[in-house]
C-alpha atoms as a PDB file:
ATOM      1  CA  UNK A   1     -67.968  98.672 -83.913  1.00  0.00           C
ATOM      2  CA  UNK A   2     -69.638  98.434 -87.312  1.00  0.00           C
ATOM      3  CA  UNK A   3     -70.111 100.863 -90.187  1.00  0.00           C
ATOM      4  CA  UNK A   4     -73.226 100.896 -92.366  1.00  0.00           C
ATOM      5  CA  UNK A   5     -72.313 101.487 -96.027  1.00  0.00           C
ATOM      6  CA  UNK A   6     -75.829 101.553 -97.421  1.00  0.00           C
ATOM      7  CA  UNK A   7     -78.485  99.046 -98.425  1.00  0.00           C
ATOM      8  CA  UNK A   8     -77.820  95.881 -96.390  1.00  0.00           C
ATOM      9  CA  UNK A   9     -74.039  96.218 -96.137  1.00  0.00           C
ATOM     10  CA  UNK A  10     -72.284  96.556 -92.787  1.00  0.00           C
ATOM     11  CA  UNK A  11     -68.544  96.163 -92.187  1.00  0.00           C
ATOM     12  CA  UNK A  12     -66.321  96.049 -89.109  1.00  0.00           C
ATOM     13  CA  UNK A  13     -64.556  99.346 -88.460  1.00  0.00           C
ATOM     14  CA  UNK A  14     -61.421  97.423 -87.468  1.00  0.00           C
ATOM     15  CA  UNK A  15     -61.226  95.983 -91.028  1.00  0.00           C
ATOM     16  CA  UNK A  16     -61.083  99.424 -92.692  1.00  0.00           C
ATOM     17  CA  UNK A  17     -57.791 100.312 -94.354  1.00  0.00           C
ATOM     18  CA  UNK A  18     -59.050 103.556 -95.893  1.00  0.00           C
ATOM     19  CA  UNK A  19     -62.062 105.583 -96.941  1.00  0.00           C
ATOM     20  CA  UNK A  20     -61.592 107.373-100.250  1.00  0.00           C
ATOM     21  CA  UNK A  21     -63.546 110.015-102.157  1.00  0.00           C
ATOM     22  CA  UNK A  22     -64.309 108.626-105.600  1.00  0.00           C
ATOM     23  CA  UNK A  23     -64.015 111.938-107.429  1.00  0.00           C
ATOM     24  CA  UNK A  24     -60.645 113.037-106.080  1.00  0.00           C
ATOM     25  CA  UNK A  25     -58.904 109.691-105.649  1.00  0.00           C
ATOM     26  CA  UNK A  26     -59.631 108.329-109.127  1.00  0.00           C
ATOM     27  CA  UNK A  27     -57.677 111.189-110.675  1.00  0.00           C
ATOM     28  CA  UNK A  28     -54.583 109.105-109.982  1.00  0.00           C
ATOM     29  CA  UNK A  29     -53.792 106.477-112.610  1.00  0.00           C
ATOM     30  CA  UNK A  30     -52.511 104.054-109.945  1.00  0.00           C
ATOM     31  CA  UNK A  31     -55.832 104.225-108.084  1.00  0.00           C
ATOM     32  CA  UNK A  32     -57.782 103.548-111.276  1.00  0.00           C
ATOM     33  CA  UNK A  33     -55.474 100.614-112.050  1.00  0.00           C
ATOM     34  CA  UNK A  34     -55.939  99.212-108.523  1.00  0.00           C
ATOM     35  CA  UNK A  35     -59.732  99.455-108.733  1.00  0.00           C
ATOM     36  CA  UNK A  36     -59.692  97.818-112.161  1.00  0.00           C
ATOM     37  CA  UNK A  37     -57.513  94.944-110.930  1.00  0.00           C
ATOM     38  CA  UNK A  38     -59.719  94.457-107.865  1.00  0.00           C
ATOM     39  CA  UNK A  39     -62.780  94.353-110.127  1.00  0.00           C
ATOM     40  CA  UNK A  40     -61.181  91.680-112.326  1.00  0.00           C
ATOM     41  CA  UNK A  41     -60.354  89.592-109.231  1.00  0.00           C
ATOM     42  CA  UNK A  42     -63.955  89.847-107.990  1.00  0.00           C
ATOM     43  CA  UNK A  43     -63.002  91.853-104.905  1.00  0.00           C
ATOM     44  CA  UNK A  44     -65.318  94.805-105.549  1.00  0.00           C
ATOM     45  CA  UNK A  45     -68.741  95.004-103.916  1.00  0.00           C
ATOM     46  CA  UNK A  46     -71.033  97.676-105.313  1.00  0.00           C
ATOM     47  CA  UNK A  47     -73.335  98.585-102.425  1.00  0.00           C
ATOM     48  CA  UNK A  48     -75.740 100.692-104.502  1.00  0.00           C
ATOM     49  CA  UNK A  49     -76.593 101.192-108.138  1.00  0.00           C
ATOM     50  CA  UNK A  50     -76.697 104.963-107.579  1.00  0.00           C
ATOM     51  CA  UNK A  51     -73.830 107.283-108.530  1.00  0.00           C
ATOM     52  CA  UNK A  52     -70.819 106.246-106.383  1.00  0.00           C
ATOM     53  CA  UNK A  53     -69.356 108.887-104.088  1.00  0.00           C
ATOM     54  CA  UNK A  54     -66.717 106.907-102.243  1.00  0.00           C
ATOM     55  CA  UNK A  55     -65.048 103.559-101.799  1.00  0.00           C
ATOM     56  CA  UNK A  56     -63.902 101.783 -98.676  1.00  0.00           C
ATOM     57  CA  UNK A  57     -60.878  99.493 -98.745  1.00  0.00           C
ATOM     58  CA  UNK A  58     -61.068  96.680 -96.185  1.00  0.00           C
ATOM     59  CA  UNK A  59     -58.781  93.859 -95.128  1.00  0.00           C
ATOM     60  CA  UNK A  60     -60.184  90.976 -93.084  1.00  0.00           C
ATOM     61  CA  UNK A  61     -58.297  88.701 -90.685  1.00  0.00           C
ATOM     62  CA  UNK A  62     -57.194  86.415 -93.519  1.00  0.00           C
ATOM     63  CA  UNK A  63     -55.635  89.461 -95.288  1.00  0.00           C
ATOM     64  CA  UNK A  64     -58.252  89.380 -98.040  1.00  0.00           C
ATOM     65  CA  UNK A  65     -58.753  92.860 -99.503  1.00  0.00           C
ATOM     66  CA  UNK A  66     -62.251  93.973-100.494  1.00  0.00           C
ATOM     67  CA  UNK A  67     -63.343  97.263-102.049  1.00  0.00           C
ATOM     68  CA  UNK A  68     -66.838  98.518-101.208  1.00  0.00           C
ATOM     69  CA  UNK A  69     -68.242 101.162-103.537  1.00  0.00           C
ATOM     70  CA  UNK A  70     -70.982 103.254-101.936  1.00  0.00           C
ATOM     71  CA  UNK A  71     -73.179 106.264-102.640  1.00  0.00           C
ATOM     72  CA  UNK A  72     -72.437 107.703 -99.177  1.00  0.00           C
ATOM     73  CA  UNK A  73     -69.824 110.464 -99.114  1.00  0.00           C
ATOM     74  CA  UNK A  74     -66.408 109.805 -97.621  1.00  0.00           C
ATOM     75  CA  UNK A  75     -66.863 112.606 -95.063  1.00  0.00           C
ATOM     76  CA  UNK A  76     -70.135 111.074 -93.818  1.00  0.00           C
ATOM     77  CA  UNK A  77     -68.543 107.634 -93.546  1.00  0.00           C
ATOM     78  CA  UNK A  78     -65.584 109.091 -91.685  1.00  0.00           C
ATOM     79  CA  UNK A  79     -67.912 110.806 -89.193  1.00  0.00           C
ATOM     80  CA  UNK A  80     -69.784 107.536 -88.662  1.00  0.00           C
ATOM     81  CA  UNK A  81     -66.585 105.696 -87.763  1.00  0.00           C
ATOM     82  CA  UNK A  82     -65.736 108.109 -84.955  1.00  0.00           C
ATOM     83  CA  UNK A  83     -62.101 108.431 -86.136  1.00  0.00           C
ATOM     84  CA  UNK A  84     -62.383 112.226 -86.208  1.00  0.00           C
ATOM     85  CA  UNK A  85     -63.509 112.312 -82.569  1.00  0.00           C
ATOM     86  CA  UNK A  86     -60.500 110.220 -81.547  1.00  0.00           C
ATOM     87  CA  UNK A  87     -58.063 112.489 -83.388  1.00  0.00           C
ATOM     88  CA  UNK A  88     -59.517 115.659 -81.855  1.00  0.00           C
ATOM     89  CA  UNK A  89     -58.994 114.229 -78.365  1.00  0.00           C
ATOM     90  CA  UNK A  90     -55.248 113.857 -78.897  1.00  0.00           C
END
C-alpha cells in the first residue's frame, strides 16, 4: 500500500518508521538535532513549500533513512495509512 504525502510524492507504507507532528515533536532538542543532521546529509525531502505540519520518517530496504516534510497533518496521514483501523480490531 502507498501513502500520498502531497504534490507528487508517494511512499510505501511498509517503509514508514514514524509519522510525527511538527509542532509537538520539535519541542525536543534531540528531534531538532536529528532533523538538522538529516538536512545536512541531504536526507530531507520537502514535499511542499507551504507551512509544514508533519514529517514522516522512512527507511527503505537498503536501510537508508529519509525524512519527508509535508503540509498534511499527522492525524490525516495516520488515517490514510489504515494503522488506526488495524489497532481498533485488536
